[in-house]
Amino acid sequence: MRYAVIIDLDYVSNDYEVCKTIWATIRDEMLKQGFYPDGRRFVINAPNDEACGRARKAMEMVEARLEHLEKRLPNYLKTFYGFRLDCVVSLLVSPVENIQVQEPDQ
């Protein structure tokens, strides 16, 4: 099953260059853990528990690599959450119950 992780940094409260460095490190570690970027999220084909474990491990590795930061990594995060992609509803299209199939006139 596909699982997605959203990570947003707090660019408002932190230095842009520091956040840029953190983001590059996060991206690198998420890729090492088997995720692939999909827009603003990281996606993996794995069960929920495994996906969450890999995401947390990536963040632990980021924190270890960036131990020289002024603050701990969680202080730079705005959001860090995951969800199954089969639960996502695209609001760009009409609800399924409003979609009708019309057969062409013969």
PDB file of N, CA and C in Angstrom:
ATOM      1  N   MET A   1       0.832  -1.171   0.000  1.00  0.00           N
ATOM      2  CA  MET A   1       0.000   0.000   0.000  1.00  0.00           C
ATOM      3  C   MET A   1       0.885   1.245   0.000  1.00  0.00           C
ATOM      4  N   ARG A   2       0.403   2.277  -0.657  1.00  0.00           N
ATOM      5  CA  ARG A   2       1.190   3.516  -0.740  1.00  0.00           C
ATOM      6  C   ARG A   2       0.917   4.388   0.477  1.00  0.00           C
ATOM      7  N   TYR A   3       1.993   4.928   1.017  1.00  0.00           N
ATOM      8  CA  TYR A   3       1.936   5.754   2.214  1.00  0.00           C
ATOM      9  C   TYR A   3       2.701   7.033   1.920  1.00  0.00           C
ATOM     10  N   ALA A   4       2.176   8.162   2.363  1.00  0.00           N
ATOM     11  CA  ALA A   4       2.816   9.448   2.111  1.00  0.00           C
ATOM     12  C   ALA A   4       3.198  10.117   3.422  1.00  0.00           C
ATOM     13  N   VAL A   5       4.274  10.880   3.380  1.00  0.00           N
ATOM     14  CA  VAL A   5       4.740  11.661   4.521  1.00  0.00           C
ATOM     15  C   VAL A   5       4.869  13.106   4.073  1.00  0.00           C
ATOM     16  N   ILE A   6       4.329  14.003   4.883  1.00  0.00           N
ATOM     17  CA  ILE A   6       4.424  15.436   4.633  1.00  0.00           C
ATOM     18  C   ILE A   6       5.353  16.031   5.675  1.00  0.00           C
ATOM     19  N   ILE A   7       6.327  16.792   5.211  1.00  0.00           N
ATOM     20  CA  ILE A   7       7.255  17.474   6.108  1.00  0.00           C
ATOM     21  C   ILE A   7       7.321  18.925   5.656  1.00  0.00           C
ATOM     22  N   ASP A   8       6.971  19.826   6.555  1.00  0.00           N
ATOM     23  CA  ASP A   8       7.075  21.259   6.276  1.00  0.00           C
ATOM     24  C   ASP A   8       7.981  21.884   7.328  1.00  0.00           C
ATOM     25  N   LEU A   9       8.893  22.704   6.864  1.00  0.00           N
ATOM     26  CA  LEU A   9       9.760  23.424   7.788  1.00  0.00           C
ATOM     27  C   LEU A   9       9.163  24.788   8.108  1.00  0.00           C
ATOM     28  N   ASP A  10       9.509  25.310   9.258  1.00  0.00           N
ATOM     29  CA  ASP A  10       9.028  26.618   9.706  1.00  0.00           C
ATOM     30  C   ASP A  10       9.991  27.696   9.210  1.00  0.00           C
ATOM     31  N   TYR A  11       9.771  28.126   7.975  1.00  0.00           N
ATOM     32  CA  TYR A  11      10.627  29.147   7.365  1.00  0.00           C
ATOM     33  C   TYR A  11      10.386  30.526   7.965  1.00  0.00           C
ATOM     34  N   VAL A  12       9.231  30.740   8.568  1.00  0.00           N
ATOM     35  CA  VAL A  12       8.904  32.051   9.140  1.00  0.00           C
ATOM     36  C   VAL A  12       9.731  32.324  10.391  1.00  0.00           C
ATOM     37  N   SER A  13       9.884  31.315  11.222  1.00  0.00           N
ATOM     38  CA  SER A  13      10.574  31.499  12.509  1.00  0.00           C
ATOM     39  C   SER A  13      12.061  31.174  12.461  1.00  0.00           C
ATOM     40  N   ASN A  14      12.543  30.681  11.328  1.00  0.00           N
ATOM     41  CA  ASN A  14      13.941  30.257  11.243  1.00  0.00           C
ATOM     42  C   ASN A  14      14.618  30.847  10.014  1.00  0.00           C
ATOM     43  N   ASP A  15      15.923  30.882  10.066  1.00  0.00           N
ATOM     44  CA  ASP A  15      16.723  31.419   8.972  1.00  0.00           C
ATOM     45  C   ASP A  15      16.518  30.584   7.697  1.00  0.00           C
ATOM     46  N   TYR A  16      16.303  31.253   6.582  1.00  0.00           N
ATOM     47  CA  TYR A  16      16.032  30.582   5.312  1.00  0.00           C
ATOM     48  C   TYR A  16      17.180  29.654   4.921  1.00  0.00           C
ATOM     49  N   GLU A  17      18.400  30.111   5.030  1.00  0.00           N
ATOM     50  CA  GLU A  17      19.552  29.293   4.617  1.00  0.00           C
ATOM     51  C   GLU A  17      19.688  28.038   5.483  1.00  0.00           C
ATOM     52  N   VAL A  18      19.395  28.169   6.767  1.00  0.00           N
ATOM     53  CA  VAL A  18      19.445  27.004   7.656  1.00  0.00           C
ATOM     54  C   VAL A  18      18.359  26.008   7.243  1.00  0.00           C
ATOM     55  N   CYS A  19      17.153  26.511   6.995  1.00  0.00           N
ATOM     56  CA  CYS A  19      16.056  25.637   6.560  1.00  0.00           C
ATOM     57  C   CYS A  19      16.374  24.971   5.224  1.00  0.00           C
ATOM     58  N   LYS A  20      17.000  25.692   4.351  1.00  0.00           N
ATOM     59  CA  LYS A  20      17.378  25.138   3.040  1.00  0.00           C
ATOM     60  C   LYS A  20      18.338  23.953   3.222  1.00  0.00           C
ATOM     61  N   THR A  21      19.293  24.108   4.110  1.00  0.00           N
ATOM     62  CA  THR A  21      20.244  23.029   4.403  1.00  0.00           C
ATOM     63  C   THR A  21      19.535  21.840   5.041  1.00  0.00           C
ATOM     64  N   ILE A  22      18.647  22.127   5.979  1.00  0.00           N
ATOM     65  CA  ILE A  22      17.885  21.058   6.636  1.00  0.00           C
ATOM     66  C   ILE A  22      17.049  20.310   5.603  1.00  0.00           C
ATOM     67  N   TRP A  23      16.382  21.048   4.716  1.00  0.00           N
ATOM     68  CA  TRP A  23      15.528  20.401   3.710  1.00  0.00           C
ATOM     69  C   TRP A  23      16.337  19.485   2.799  1.00  0.00           C
ATOM     70  N   ALA A  24      17.493  19.926   2.374  1.00  0.00           N
ATOM     71  CA  ALA A  24      18.335  19.094   1.501  1.00  0.00           C
ATOM     72  C   ALA A  24      18.728  17.807   2.225  1.00  0.00           C
ATOM     73  N   THR A  25      19.010  17.912   3.502  1.00  0.00           N
ATOM     74  CA  THR A  25      19.386  16.743   4.292  1.00  0.00           C
ATOM     75  C   THR A  25      18.189  15.818   4.489  1.00  0.00           C
ATOM     76  N   ILE A  26      17.020  16.393   4.766  1.00  0.00           N
ATOM     77  CA  ILE A  26      15.799  15.592   4.906  1.00  0.00           C
ATOM     78  C   ILE A  26      15.517  14.827   3.618  1.00  0.00           C
ATOM     79  N   ARG A  27      15.571  15.528   2.504  1.00  0.00           N
ATOM     80  CA  ARG A  27      15.304  14.895   1.205  1.00  0.00           C
ATOM     81  C   ARG A  27      16.255  13.722   0.975  1.00  0.00           C
ATOM     82  N   ASP A  28      17.528  13.949   1.238  1.00  0.00           N
ATOM     83  CA  ASP A  28      18.550  12.918   1.060  1.00  0.00           C
ATOM     84  C   ASP A  28      18.249  11.695   1.929  1.00  0.00           C
ATOM     85  N   GLU A  29      17.916  11.915   3.182  1.00  0.00           N
ATOM     86  CA  GLU A  29      17.652  10.796   4.093  1.00  0.00           C
ATOM     87  C   GLU A  29      16.352  10.074   3.752  1.00  0.00           C
ATOM     88  N   MET A  30      15.330  10.814   3.337  1.00  0.00           N
ATOM     89  CA  MET A  30      14.071  10.161   2.953  1.00  0.00           C
ATOM     90  C   MET A  30      14.285   9.269   1.725  1.00  0.00           C
ATOM     91  N   LEU A  31      15.084   9.731   0.777  1.00  0.00           N
ATOM     92  CA  LEU A  31      15.396   8.911  -0.395  1.00  0.00           C
ATOM     93  C   LEU A  31      16.163   7.654   0.022  1.00  0.00           C
ATOM     94  N   LYS A  32      17.096   7.794   0.953  1.00  0.00           N
ATOM     95  CA  LYS A  32      17.853   6.641   1.444  1.00  0.00           C
ATOM     96  C   LYS A  32      16.947   5.623   2.126  1.00  0.00           C
ATOM     97  N   GLN A  33      15.860   6.081   2.721  1.00  0.00           N
ATOM     98  CA  GLN A  33      14.925   5.194   3.413  1.00  0.00           C
ATOM     99  C   GLN A  33      13.905   4.562   2.466  1.00  0.00           C
ATOM    100  N   GLY A  34      14.017   4.867   1.160  1.00  0.00           N
ATOM    101  CA  GLY A  34      13.144   4.228   0.181  1.00  0.00           C
ATOM    102  C   GLY A  34      11.956   5.046  -0.272  1.00  0.00           C
ATOM    103  N   PHE A  35      11.834   6.276   0.204  1.00  0.00           N
ATOM    104  CA  PHE A  35      10.750   7.153  -0.236  1.00  0.00           C
ATOM    105  C   PHE A  35      11.126   7.784  -1.571  1.00  0.00           C
ATOM    106  N   TYR A  36      10.138   8.199  -2.313  1.00  0.00           N
ATOM    107  CA  TYR A  36      10.394   8.986  -3.517  1.00  0.00           C
ATOM    108  C   TYR A  36       9.566  10.267  -3.430  1.00  0.00           C
ATOM    109  N   PRO A  37      10.109  11.363  -3.959  1.00  0.00           N
ATOM    110  CA  PRO A  37       9.372  12.624  -3.894  1.00  0.00           C
ATOM    111  C   PRO A  37       8.195  12.616  -4.868  1.00  0.00           C
ATOM    112  N   ASP A  38       7.080  13.143  -4.409  1.00  0.00           N
ATOM    113  CA  ASP A  38       5.877  13.270  -5.228  1.00  0.00           C
ATOM    114  C   ASP A  38       5.252  14.615  -4.875  1.00  0.00           C
ATOM    115  N   GLY A  39       5.624  15.640  -5.611  1.00  0.00           N
ATOM    116  CA  GLY A  39       5.179  16.982  -5.273  1.00  0.00           C
ATOM    117  C   GLY A  39       5.799  17.411  -3.956  1.00  0.00           C
ATOM    118  N   ARG A  40       4.968  17.792  -3.002  1.00  0.00           N
ATOM    119  CA  ARG A  40       5.442  18.243  -1.696  1.00  0.00           C
ATOM    120  C   ARG A  40       5.444  17.144  -0.652  1.00  0.00           C
ATOM    121  N   ARG A  41       5.298  15.916  -1.092  1.00  0.00           N
ATOM    122  CA  ARG A  41       5.269  14.807  -0.145  1.00  0.00           C
ATOM    123  C   ARG A  41       6.265  13.737  -0.555  1.00  0.00           C
ATOM    124  N   PHE A  42       6.559  12.853   0.389  1.00  0.00           N
ATOM    125  CA  PHE A  42       7.404  11.693   0.130  1.00  0.00           C
ATOM    126  C   PHE A  42       6.505  10.462   0.177  1.00  0.00           C
ATOM    127  N   VAL A  43       6.654   9.576  -0.794  1.00  0.00           N
ATOM    128  CA  VAL A  43       5.772   8.410  -0.909  1.00  0.00           C
ATOM    129  C   VAL A  43       6.604   7.138  -0.891  1.00  0.00           C
ATOM    130  N   ILE A  44       6.020   6.091  -0.319  1.00  0.00           N
ATOM    131  CA  ILE A  44       6.667   4.781  -0.279  1.00  0.00           C
ATOM    132  C   ILE A  44       5.593   3.711  -0.399  1.00  0.00           C
ATOM    133  N   ASN A  45       5.930   2.605  -1.008  1.00  0.00           N
ATOM    134  CA  ASN A  45       5.034   1.442  -1.060  1.00  0.00           C
ATOM    135  C   ASN A  45       5.418   0.535   0.097  1.00  0.00           C
ATOM    136  N   ALA A  46       4.726   0.715   1.216  1.00  0.00           N
ATOM    137  CA  ALA A  46       5.025  -0.054   2.420  1.00  0.00           C
ATOM    138  C   ALA A  46       3.836   0.026   3.367  1.00  0.00           C
ATOM    139  N   PRO A  47       3.720  -0.949   4.275  1.00  0.00           N
ATOM    140  CA  PRO A  47       2.668  -0.877   5.291  1.00  0.00           C
ATOM    141  C   PRO A  47       2.873   0.354   6.189  1.00  0.00           C
ATOM    142  N   ASN A  48       1.795   0.776   6.834  1.00  0.00           N
ATOM    143  CA  ASN A  48       1.834   1.979   7.677  1.00  0.00           C
ATOM    144  C   ASN A  48       2.981   1.974   8.682  1.00  0.00           C
ATOM    145  N   ASP A  49       3.089   0.908   9.466  1.00  0.00           N
ATOM    146  CA  ASP A  49       4.105   0.850  10.524  1.00  0.00           C
ATOM    147  C   ASP A  49       5.514   0.967   9.958  1.00  0.00           C
ATOM    148  N   GLU A  50       5.757   0.269   8.873  1.00  0.00           N
ATOM    149  CA  GLU A  50       7.082   0.319   8.254  1.00  0.00           C
ATOM    150  C   GLU A  50       7.376   1.710   7.704  1.00  0.00           C
ATOM    151  N   ALA A  51       6.399   2.306   7.031  1.00  0.00           N
ATOM    152  CA  ALA A  51       6.590   3.645   6.467  1.00  0.00           C
ATOM    153  C   ALA A  51       6.877   4.664   7.564  1.00  0.00           C
ATOM    154  N   CYS A  52       6.109   4.613   8.635  1.00  0.00           N
ATOM    155  CA  CYS A  52       6.323   5.549   9.750  1.00  0.00           C
ATOM    156  C   CYS A  52       7.689   5.330  10.391  1.00  0.00           C
ATOM    157  N   GLY A  53       8.057   4.080  10.554  1.00  0.00           N
ATOM    158  CA  GLY A  53       9.372   3.772  11.119  1.00  0.00           C
ATOM    159  C   GLY A  53      10.504   4.303  10.258  1.00  0.00           C
ATOM    160  N   ARG A  54      10.371   4.140   8.958  1.00  0.00           N
ATOM    161  CA  ARG A  54      11.409   4.642   8.040  1.00  0.00           C
ATOM    162  C   ARG A  54      11.485   6.169   8.064  1.00  0.00           C
ATOM    163  N   ALA A  55      10.326   6.817   8.129  1.00  0.00           N
ATOM    164  CA  ALA A  55      10.307   8.288   8.177  1.00  0.00           C
ATOM    165  C   ALA A  55      10.952   8.787   9.467  1.00  0.00           C
ATOM    166  N   ARG A  56      10.627   8.150  10.570  1.00  0.00           N
ATOM    167  CA  ARG A  56      11.234   8.554  11.856  1.00  0.00           C
ATOM    168  C   ARG A  56      12.742   8.305  11.845  1.00  0.00           C
ATOM    169  N   LYS A  57      13.149   7.179  11.269  1.00  0.00           N
ATOM    170  CA  LYS A  57      14.587   6.885  11.184  1.00  0.00           C
ATOM    171  C   LYS A  57      15.292   7.940  10.339  1.00  0.00           C
ATOM    172  N   ALA A  58      14.671   8.347   9.237  1.00  0.00           N
ATOM    173  CA  ALA A  58      15.266   9.393   8.396  1.00  0.00           C
ATOM    174  C   ALA A  58      15.465  10.672   9.198  1.00  0.00           C
ATOM    175  N   MET A  59      14.458  11.038   9.993  1.00  0.00           N
ATOM    176  CA  MET A  59      14.564  12.270  10.786  1.00  0.00           C
ATOM    177  C   MET A  59      15.625  12.141  11.873  1.00  0.00           C
ATOM    178  N   GLU A  60      15.779  10.948  12.452  1.00  0.00           N
ATOM    179  CA  GLU A  60      16.847  10.719  13.429  1.00  0.00           C
ATOM    180  C   GLU A  60      18.211  10.896  12.769  1.00  0.00           C
ATOM    181  N   MET A  61      18.347  10.399  11.554  1.00  0.00           N
ATOM    182  CA  MET A  61      19.603  10.540  10.820  1.00  0.00           C
ATOM    183  C   MET A  61      19.875  12.005  10.482  1.00  0.00           C
ATOM    184  N   VAL A  62      18.827  12.735  10.117  1.00  0.00           N
ATOM    185  CA  VAL A  62      18.976  14.170   9.825  1.00  0.00           C
ATOM    186  C   VAL A  62      19.477  14.885  11.071  1.00  0.00           C
ATOM    187  N   GLU A  63      18.845  14.608  12.197  1.00  0.00           N
ATOM    188  CA  GLU A  63      19.252  15.277  13.435  1.00  0.00           C
ATOM    189  C   GLU A  63      20.701  14.944  13.787  1.00  0.00           C
ATOM    190  N   ALA A  64      21.104  13.701  13.579  1.00  0.00           N
ATOM    191  CA  ALA A  64      22.488  13.305  13.857  1.00  0.00           C
ATOM    192  C   ALA A  64      23.464  14.024  12.920  1.00  0.00           C
ATOM    193  N   ARG A  65      23.086  14.144  11.649  1.00  0.00           N
ATOM    194  CA  ARG A  65      23.964  14.816  10.677  1.00  0.00           C
ATOM    195  C   ARG A  65      24.052  16.311  10.929  1.00  0.00           C
ATOM    196  N   LEU A  66      23.000  16.878  11.525  1.00  0.00           N
ATOM    197  CA  LEU A  66      22.958  18.328  11.731  1.00  0.00           C
ATOM    198  C   LEU A  66      23.019  18.680  13.219  1.00  0.00           C
ATOM    199  N   GLU A  67      23.800  17.929  13.970  1.00  0.00           N
ATOM    200  CA  GLU A  67      23.881  18.167  15.414  1.00  0.00           C
ATOM    201  C   GLU A  67      24.478  19.531  15.755  1.00  0.00           C
ATOM    202  N   HIS A  68      25.080  20.175  14.790  1.00  0.00           N
ATOM    203  CA  HIS A  68      25.673  21.500  15.015  1.00  0.00           C
ATOM    204  C   HIS A  68      24.633  22.634  14.996  1.00  0.00           C
ATOM    205  N   LEU A  69      23.377  22.313  14.681  1.00  0.00           N
ATOM    206  CA  LEU A  69      22.343  23.346  14.620  1.00  0.00           C
ATOM    207  C   LEU A  69      22.156  24.015  15.979  1.00  0.00           C
ATOM    208  N   GLU A  70      21.705  25.245  15.942  1.00  0.00           N
ATOM    209  CA  GLU A  70      21.455  26.016  17.160  1.00  0.00           C
ATOM    210  C   GLU A  70      20.367  25.370  18.018  1.00  0.00           C
ATOM    211  N   LYS A  71      19.337  24.797  17.350  1.00  0.00           N
ATOM    212  CA  LYS A  71      18.212  24.172  18.046  1.00  0.00           C
ATOM    213  C   LYS A  71      18.087  22.726  17.589  1.00  0.00           C
ATOM    214  N   ARG A  72      17.311  21.948  18.336  1.00  0.00           N
ATOM    215  CA  ARG A  72      17.043  20.580  17.914  1.00  0.00           C
ATOM    216  C   ARG A  72      16.109  20.593  16.713  1.00  0.00           C
ATOM    217  N   LEU A  73      16.181  19.559  15.898  1.00  0.00           N
ATOM    218  CA  LEU A  73      15.430  19.477  14.654  1.00  0.00           C
ATOM    219  C   LEU A  73      13.925  19.736  14.808  1.00  0.00           C
ATOM    220  N   PRO A  74      13.247  19.169  15.807  1.00  0.00           N
ATOM    221  CA  PRO A  74      11.802  19.422  15.920  1.00  0.00           C
ATOM    222  C   PRO A  74      11.429  20.908  15.995  1.00  0.00           C
ATOM    223  N   ASN A  75      12.344  21.731  16.455  1.00  0.00           N
ATOM    224  CA  ASN A  75      12.080  23.170  16.540  1.00  0.00           C
ATOM    225  C   ASN A  75      12.055  23.846  15.166  1.00  0.00           C
ATOM    226  N   TYR A  76      12.544  23.178  14.150  1.00  0.00           N
ATOM    227  CA  TYR A  76      12.528  23.718  12.792  1.00  0.00           C
ATOM    228  C   TYR A  76      11.328  23.199  11.991  1.00  0.00           C
ATOM    229  N   LEU A  77      10.632  22.194  12.540  1.00  0.00           N
ATOM    230  CA  LEU A  77       9.523  21.569  11.824  1.00  0.00           C
ATOM    231  C   LEU A  77       8.207  22.287  12.081  1.00  0.00           C
ATOM    232  N   LYS A  78       7.460  22.459  11.013  1.00  0.00           N
ATOM    233  CA  LYS A  78       6.104  22.987  11.127  1.00  0.00           C
ATOM    234  C   LYS A  78       5.127  21.810  11.159  1.00  0.00           C
ATOM    235  N   THR A  79       5.312  20.851  10.239  1.00  0.00           N
ATOM    236  CA  THR A  79       4.497  19.639  10.215  1.00  0.00           C
ATOM    237  C   THR A  79       5.361  18.434   9.870  1.00  0.00           C
ATOM    238  N   PHE A  80       4.954  17.297  10.390  1.00  0.00           N
ATOM    239  CA  PHE A  80       5.601  16.016  10.089  1.00  0.00           C
ATOM    240  C   PHE A  80       4.545  14.943  10.348  1.00  0.00           C
ATOM    241  N   TYR A  81       3.858  14.531   9.296  1.00  0.00           N
ATOM    242  CA  TYR A  81       2.807  13.540   9.458  1.00  0.00           C
ATOM    243  C   TYR A  81       2.734  12.638   8.240  1.00  0.00           C
ATOM    244  N   GLY A  82       2.059  11.514   8.421  1.00  0.00           N
ATOM    245  CA  GLY A  82       1.915  10.552   7.336  1.00  0.00           C
ATOM    246  C   GLY A  82       0.480  10.080   7.218  1.00  0.00           C
ATOM    247  N   PHE A  83       0.171   9.506   6.057  1.00  0.00           N
ATOM    248  CA  PHE A  83      -1.176   8.999   5.806  1.00  0.00           C
ATOM    249  C   PHE A  83      -1.155   8.029   4.638  1.00  0.00           C
ATOM    250  N   ARG A  84      -2.136   7.122   4.651  1.00  0.00           N
ATOM    251  CA  ARG A  84      -2.288   6.191   3.535  1.00  0.00           C
ATOM    252  C   ARG A  84      -2.873   6.953   2.354  1.00  0.00           C
ATOM    253  N   LEU A  85      -2.333   6.726   1.185  1.00  0.00           N
ATOM    254  CA  LEU A  85      -2.819   7.437   0.001  1.00  0.00           C
ATOM    255  C   LEU A  85      -4.176   6.949  -0.477  1.00  0.00           C
ATOM    256  N   ASP A  86      -4.586   5.752  -0.072  1.00  0.00           N
ATOM    257  CA  ASP A  86      -5.910   5.299  -0.486  1.00  0.00           C
ATOM    258  C   ASP A  86      -7.022   6.033   0.265  1.00  0.00           C
ATOM    259  N   CYS A  87      -6.670   6.854   1.234  1.00  0.00           N
ATOM    260  CA  CYS A  87      -7.648   7.652   1.991  1.00  0.00           C
ATOM    261  C   CYS A  87      -7.787   9.069   1.436  1.00  0.00           C
ATOM    262  N   VAL A  88      -6.994   9.415   0.455  1.00  0.00           N
ATOM    263  CA  VAL A  88      -6.968  10.777  -0.076  1.00  0.00           C
ATOM    264  C   VAL A  88      -8.097  10.985  -1.080  1.00  0.00           C
ATOM    265  N   VAL A  89      -8.754  12.114  -0.983  1.00  0.00           N
ATOM    266  CA  VAL A  89      -9.806  12.496  -1.919  1.00  0.00           C
ATOM    267  C   VAL A  89      -9.334  13.725  -2.669  1.00  0.00           C
ATOM    268  N   SER A  90      -9.252  13.641  -3.986  1.00  0.00           N
ATOM    269  CA  SER A  90      -8.861  14.791  -4.791  1.00  0.00           C
ATOM    270  C   SER A  90     -10.043  15.749  -4.913  1.00  0.00           C
ATOM    271  N   LEU A  91      -9.829  16.963  -4.517  1.00  0.00           N
ATOM    272  CA  LEU A  91     -10.880  17.971  -4.610  1.00  0.00           C
ATOM    273  C   LEU A  91     -10.834  18.703  -5.950  1.00  0.00           C
ATOM    274  N   LEU A  92      -9.938  18.277  -6.821  1.00  0.00           N
ATOM    275  CA  LEU A  92      -9.837  18.871  -8.161  1.00  0.00           C
ATOM    276  C   LEU A  92     -10.864  18.283  -9.126  1.00  0.00           C
ATOM    277  N   VAL A  93     -11.456  17.168  -8.752  1.00  0.00           N
ATOM    278  CA  VAL A  93     -12.450  16.521  -9.619  1.00  0.00           C
ATOM    279  C   VAL A  93     -13.785  16.440  -8.890  1.00  0.00           C
ATOM    280  N   SER A  94     -14.841  16.224  -9.647  1.00  0.00           N
ATOM    281  CA  SER A  94     -16.179  16.082  -9.058  1.00  0.00           C
ATOM    282  C   SER A  94     -16.236  14.837  -8.184  1.00  0.00           C
ATOM    283  N   PRO A  95     -17.115  14.853  -7.185  1.00  0.00           N
ATOM    284  CA  PRO A  95     -17.302  13.633  -6.384  1.00  0.00           C
ATOM    285  C   PRO A  95     -17.725  12.473  -7.282  1.00  0.00           C
ATOM    286  N   VAL A  96     -17.338  11.273  -6.922  1.00  0.00           N
ATOM    287  CA  VAL A  96     -17.613  10.078  -7.727  1.00  0.00           C
ATOM    288  C   VAL A  96     -19.102   9.950  -8.031  1.00  0.00           C
ATOM    289  N   GLU A  97     -19.948  10.262  -7.064  1.00  0.00           N
ATOM    290  CA  GLU A  97     -21.385  10.096  -7.283  1.00  0.00           C
ATOM    291  C   GLU A  97     -21.932  11.072  -8.323  1.00  0.00           C
ATOM    292  N   ASN A  98     -21.183  12.116  -8.678  1.00  0.00           N
ATOM    293  CA  ASN A  98     -21.626  13.086  -9.690  1.00  0.00           C
ATOM    294  C   ASN A  98     -21.112  12.765 -11.098  1.00  0.00           C
ATOM    295  N   ILE A  99     -20.267  11.773 -11.220  1.00  0.00           N
ATOM    296  CA  ILE A  99     -19.707  11.426 -12.521  1.00  0.00           C
ATOM    297  C   ILE A  99     -20.646  10.466 -13.236  1.00  0.00           C
ATOM    298  N   GLN A 100     -21.003  10.800 -14.462  1.00  0.00           N
ATOM    299  CA  GLN A 100     -21.894   9.959 -15.254  1.00  0.00           C
ATOM    300  C   GLN A 100     -21.213   9.608 -16.573  1.00  0.00           C
ATOM    301  N   VAL A 101     -21.406   8.385 -16.981  1.00  0.00           N
ATOM    302  CA  VAL A 101     -20.848   7.926 -18.243  1.00  0.00           C
ATOM    303  C   VAL A 101     -21.951   8.006 -19.297  1.00  0.00           C
ATOM    304  N   GLN A 102     -21.637   8.668 -20.385  1.00  0.00           N
ATOM    305  CA  GLN A 102     -22.606   8.766 -21.487  1.00  0.00           C
ATOM    306  C   GLN A 102     -22.058   8.006 -22.673  1.00  0.00           C
ATOM    307  N   GLU A 103     -22.909   7.206 -23.259  1.00  0.00           N
ATOM    308  CA  GLU A 103     -22.503   6.456 -24.443  1.00  0.00           C
ATOM    309  C   GLU A 103     -22.748   7.321 -25.665  1.00  0.00           C
ATOM    310  N   PRO A 104     -21.835   7.255 -26.642  1.00  0.00           N
ATOM    311  CA  PRO A 104     -22.006   8.065 -27.834  1.00  0.00           C
ATOM    312  C   PRO A 104     -23.232   7.619 -28.636  1.00  0.00           C
ATOM    313  N   ASP A 105     -23.853   8.570 -29.322  1.00  0.00           N
ATOM    314  CA  ASP A 105     -24.997   8.255 -30.194  1.00  0.00           C
ATOM    315  C   ASP A 105     -24.514   7.422 -31.362  1.00  0.00           C
ATOM    316  N   GLN A 106     -25.291   6.438 -31.738  1.00  0.00           N
ATOM    317  CA  GLN A 106     -24.919   5.554 -32.857  1.00  0.00           C
ATOM    318  C   GLN A 106     -25.487   6.071 -34.144  1.00  0.00           C
TER     319      GLN A 106
END
